[in-house]
């Protein structure tokens, strides 16, 4: 599974957050095709961090959106969804 992390609107997506997400989504990656794409967009809205996750599989797209006080918390909540 390919994982892409993007930062927009003042939010930064660094390598540490990407490695956390790869570790968190490891179980999902083992169950889906290597061609599956997971895109996570991190942005700041009114002082809160918002993480939008999209998992594109063959014929199916799954989405999740969570808000947190810091980027790591928001990403953690998206990964749990």
Protein backbone atom coordinates (compact mmCIF):
# COMPACT_ATOMS: atom_id res chain seq x y z
CA UNK A 1 0.00 0.00 0.00
CA UNK A 2 1.29 3.43 -0.89
CA UNK A 3 0.90 6.06 1.83
CA UNK A 4 1.11 9.77 1.06
CA UNK A 5 0.98 12.48 3.73
CA UNK A 6 0.28 16.10 2.73
CA UNK A 7 0.32 19.26 4.83
CA UNK A 8 -1.82 22.25 3.81
CA UNK A 9 -2.95 25.57 5.25
CA UNK A 10 -0.13 26.02 7.73
CA UNK A 11 0.08 22.39 8.84
CA UNK A 12 3.36 20.59 8.26
CA UNK A 13 3.71 16.93 7.39
CA UNK A 14 7.21 15.72 8.26
CA UNK A 15 8.95 12.35 8.04
CA UNK A 16 8.26 11.56 11.70
CA UNK A 17 4.49 11.80 11.17
CA UNK A 18 4.77 9.73 7.98
CA UNK A 19 6.67 6.97 9.77
CA UNK A 20 4.05 6.97 12.57
CA UNK A 21 1.29 6.57 10.00
CA UNK A 22 3.12 3.76 8.20
CA UNK A 23 3.50 1.90 11.48
CA UNK A 24 -0.13 2.57 12.48
CA UNK A 25 -1.49 1.39 9.10
CA UNK A 26 0.77 -1.67 8.86
CA UNK A 27 -2.07 -4.12 9.60
CA UNK A 28 -4.27 -2.55 6.94
CA UNK A 29 -1.41 -2.64 4.43
CA UNK A 30 -1.01 -6.39 4.96
CA UNK A 31 -4.68 -6.99 4.10
CA UNK A 32 -5.04 -4.88 0.95
CA UNK A 33 -3.41 -4.87 -2.46
CA UNK A 34 0.04 -3.29 -2.85
CA UNK A 35 -1.61 -1.02 -5.44
CA UNK A 36 -3.97 0.50 -2.86
CA UNK A 37 -3.42 4.21 -2.18
CA UNK A 38 -3.81 5.92 1.18
CA UNK A 39 -3.70 9.72 1.13
CA UNK A 40 -3.80 11.69 4.35
CA UNK A 41 -4.17 15.46 4.24
CA UNK A 42 -3.34 17.46 7.35
CA UNK A 43 -4.50 21.07 7.67
CA UNK A 44 -5.15 23.70 10.29
CA UNK A 45 -8.67 25.12 10.68
CA UNK A 46 -9.46 27.70 13.38
CA UNK A 47 -6.52 26.63 15.52
CA UNK A 48 -7.27 22.90 15.38
CA UNK A 49 -5.60 20.21 13.32
CA UNK A 50 -7.84 18.39 10.84
CA UNK A 51 -6.78 15.11 9.24
CA UNK A 52 -8.62 13.80 6.16
CA UNK A 53 -7.83 10.22 5.15
CA UNK A 54 -8.71 8.56 1.87
CA UNK A 55 -8.07 4.88 1.15
CA UNK A 56 -8.58 3.97 -2.50
CA UNK A 57 -9.06 0.30 -3.21
CA UNK A 58 -10.17 -1.44 -6.36
CA UNK A 59 -13.72 -0.14 -6.84
CA UNK A 60 -14.10 1.24 -3.30
CA UNK A 61 -13.03 4.50 -1.65
CA UNK A 62 -13.05 4.87 2.14
CA UNK A 63 -12.83 8.29 3.80
CA UNK A 64 -12.34 9.51 7.35
CA UNK A 65 -12.05 12.99 8.91
CA UNK A 66 -10.99 13.75 12.46
CA UNK A 67 -10.03 16.88 14.40
CA UNK A 68 -7.47 17.07 17.18
CA UNK A 69 -5.48 19.51 19.25
CA UNK A 70 -2.20 18.48 17.61
CA UNK A 71 -1.26 16.78 14.31
CA UNK A 72 -0.29 13.46 15.90
CA UNK A 73 -3.63 13.16 17.71
CA UNK A 74 -5.66 13.93 14.57
CA UNK A 75 -3.66 11.40 12.52
CA UNK A 76 -4.06 8.78 15.24
CA UNK A 77 -7.83 9.23 15.22
CA UNK A 78 -8.01 8.92 11.40
CA UNK A 79 -5.95 5.73 11.47
CA UNK A 80 -8.32 4.22 14.04
CA UNK A 81 -11.33 4.93 11.81
